[in-house]
C-alpha atoms as a PDB file:
ATOM      1  CA  UNK A   1      -0.140   0.048   0.009  1.00  0.00           C
ATOM      2  CA  UNK A   2       2.758   2.523   1.081  1.00  0.00           C
ATOM      3  CA  UNK A   3       5.648   1.618  -0.939  1.00  0.00           C
ATOM      4  CA  UNK A   4       6.995   5.061  -1.150  1.00  0.00           C
ATOM      5  CA  UNK A   5       9.739   5.960   1.878  1.00  0.00           C
ATOM      6  CA  UNK A   6       8.960   7.913   4.375  1.00  0.00           C
ATOM      7  CA  UNK A   7      11.755  10.285   3.648  1.00  0.00           C
ATOM      8  CA  UNK A   8      10.156  11.351   0.723  1.00  0.00           C
ATOM      9  CA  UNK A   9       7.146  12.364   2.500  1.00  0.00           C
ATOM     10  CA  UNK A  10       8.688  13.735   5.914  1.00  0.00           C
ATOM     11  CA  UNK A  11      10.843  15.688   3.221  1.00  0.00           C
ATOM     12  CA  UNK A  12       7.363  17.053   1.300  1.00  0.00           C
ATOM     13  CA  UNK A  13       6.812  18.041   5.153  1.00  0.00           C
ATOM     14  CA  UNK A  14       9.693  19.469   5.748  1.00  0.00           C
ATOM     15  CA  UNK A  15      10.104  21.418   3.045  1.00  0.00           C
ATOM     16  CA  UNK A  16       6.835  22.988   4.278  1.00  0.00           C
ATOM     17  CA  UNK A  17       8.126  24.271   7.092  1.00  0.00           C
ATOM     18  CA  UNK A  18      11.824  25.125   6.082  1.00  0.00           C
ATOM     19  CA  UNK A  19      10.579  26.638   2.619  1.00  0.00           C
ATOM     20  CA  UNK A  20      13.350  28.215   1.404  1.00  0.00           C
ATOM     21  CA  UNK A  21      16.488  26.086   3.159  1.00  0.00           C
ATOM     22  CA  UNK A  22      14.763  22.934   2.298  1.00  0.00           C
ATOM     23  CA  UNK A  23      13.638  24.376  -1.294  1.00  0.00           C
ATOM     24  CA  UNK A  24      17.919  24.951  -1.878  1.00  0.00           C
ATOM     25  CA  UNK A  25      18.292  21.533   0.316  1.00  0.00           C
ATOM     26  CA  UNK A  26      16.725  19.795  -2.073  1.00  0.00           C
ATOM     27  CA  UNK A  27      17.810  21.405  -4.823  1.00  0.00           C
ATOM     28  CA  UNK A  28      21.119  20.684  -4.737  1.00  0.00           C
ATOM     29  CA  UNK A  29      20.543  16.632  -2.685  1.00  0.00           C
ATOM     30  CA  UNK A  30      17.998  16.603  -5.565  1.00  0.00           C
ATOM     31  CA  UNK A  31      13.981  15.778  -3.590  1.00  0.00           C
END
């Protein structure tokens, strides 16, 4: 049922919370 990794879901949540910081990190990490 839940094949997607929890890290992706968590990353999305953190991205929304951090916003700019996550945006930059995701861009560099490849979110």
